[in-house]
Amino acid sequence: MAHSNSVQFHDSTIFSFKPLFAIRDFFILLASAWAEAKMMEQKSHKNSANW
């Protein structure tokens, strides 16, 4: 009985953490895309200054 309870608890823990990991991955993706956009913006400013 105790074993089945611990397995149940373990399953629910994994289930509750999945959305958190998805949100974390989403923010990591957002941050990397923002950093890349900033870098490209800096490059475009340098290129437009050469005109």
C-alpha atoms as a PDB file:
ATOM      1  CA  MET A   1       0.000   0.000   0.000  1.00  0.00           C
ATOM      2  CA  ALA A   2       2.742   2.441   0.924  1.00  0.00           C
ATOM      3  CA  HIS A   3       4.585   1.623  -2.263  1.00  0.00           C
ATOM      4  CA  SER A   4       1.597   2.438  -4.475  1.00  0.00           C
ATOM      5  CA  ASN A   5       1.144   5.740  -2.622  1.00  0.00           C
ATOM      6  CA  SER A   6       4.752   6.737  -3.202  1.00  0.00           C
ATOM      7  CA  VAL A   7       4.466   5.894  -6.901  1.00  0.00           C
ATOM      8  CA  GLN A   8       1.286   7.946  -7.139  1.00  0.00           C
ATOM      9  CA  PHE A   9       3.020  10.893  -5.470  1.00  0.00           C
ATOM     10  CA  HIS A  10       6.027  10.518  -7.759  1.00  0.00           C
ATOM     11  CA  ASP A  11       3.810  10.556 -10.856  1.00  0.00           C
ATOM     12  CA  SER A  12       1.952  13.666  -9.713  1.00  0.00           C
ATOM     13  CA  THR A  13       5.258  15.422  -8.976  1.00  0.00           C
ATOM     14  CA  ILE A  14       6.552  14.750 -12.487  1.00  0.00           C
ATOM     15  CA  PHE A  15       3.242  15.937 -13.943  1.00  0.00           C
ATOM     16  CA  SER A  16       3.293  19.200 -11.984  1.00  0.00           C
ATOM     17  CA  PHE A  17       6.872  19.994 -13.006  1.00  0.00           C
ATOM     18  CA  LYS A  18       6.336  19.524 -16.750  1.00  0.00           C
ATOM     19  CA  PRO A  19       4.571  22.891 -17.267  1.00  0.00           C
ATOM     20  CA  LEU A  20       7.331  24.618 -15.303  1.00  0.00           C
ATOM     21  CA  PHE A  21       9.974  23.119 -17.571  1.00  0.00           C
ATOM     22  CA  ALA A  22       7.967  24.173 -20.618  1.00  0.00           C
ATOM     23  CA  ILE A  23       7.677  27.732 -19.305  1.00  0.00           C
ATOM     24  CA  ARG A  24      11.400  27.794 -18.483  1.00  0.00           C
ATOM     25  CA  ASP A  25      12.290  26.552 -21.973  1.00  0.00           C
ATOM     26  CA  PHE A  26       9.952  29.150 -23.484  1.00  0.00           C
ATOM     27  CA  PHE A  27      11.655  31.966 -21.594  1.00  0.00           C
ATOM     28  CA  ILE A  28      15.111  30.657 -22.531  1.00  0.00           C
ATOM     29  CA  LEU A  29      14.024  30.612 -26.166  1.00  0.00           C
ATOM     30  CA  LEU A  30      12.572  34.110 -25.841  1.00  0.00           C
ATOM     31  CA  ALA A  31      15.742  35.447 -24.222  1.00  0.00           C
ATOM     32  CA  SER A  32      18.012  33.920 -26.845  1.00  0.00           C
ATOM     33  CA  ALA A  33      15.825  35.261 -29.658  1.00  0.00           C
ATOM     34  CA  TRP A  34      15.868  38.723 -28.050  1.00  0.00           C
ATOM     35  CA  ALA A  35      19.644  38.618 -27.673  1.00  0.00           C
ATOM     36  CA  GLU A  36      20.019  37.564 -31.298  1.00  0.00           C
ATOM     37  CA  ALA A  37      17.705  40.366 -32.437  1.00  0.00           C
ATOM     38  CA  LYS A  38      19.733  42.869 -30.411  1.00  0.00           C
ATOM     39  CA  MET A  39      22.933  41.597 -31.994  1.00  0.00           C
ATOM     40  CA  MET A  40      21.469  41.883 -35.482  1.00  0.00           C
ATOM     41  CA  GLU A  41      20.232  45.377 -34.662  1.00  0.00           C
ATOM     42  CA  GLN A  42      23.723  46.399 -33.617  1.00  0.00           C
ATOM     43  CA  LYS A  43      25.116  44.960 -36.855  1.00  0.00           C
ATOM     44  CA  SER A  44      22.546  46.827 -38.949  1.00  0.00           C
ATOM     45  CA  HIS A  45      23.431  50.078 -37.188  1.00  0.00           C
ATOM     46  CA  LYS A  46      27.098  49.528 -38.001  1.00  0.00           C
ATOM     47  CA  ASN A  47      26.255  48.751 -41.617  1.00  0.00           C
ATOM     48  CA  SER A  48      23.971  51.755 -42.003  1.00  0.00           C
ATOM     49  CA  ALA A  49      26.683  54.025 -40.575  1.00  0.00           C
ATOM     50  CA  ASN A  50      28.957  52.990 -43.424  1.00  0.00           C
ATOM     51  CA  TRP A  51      26.563  54.275 -46.083  1.00  0.00           C
END
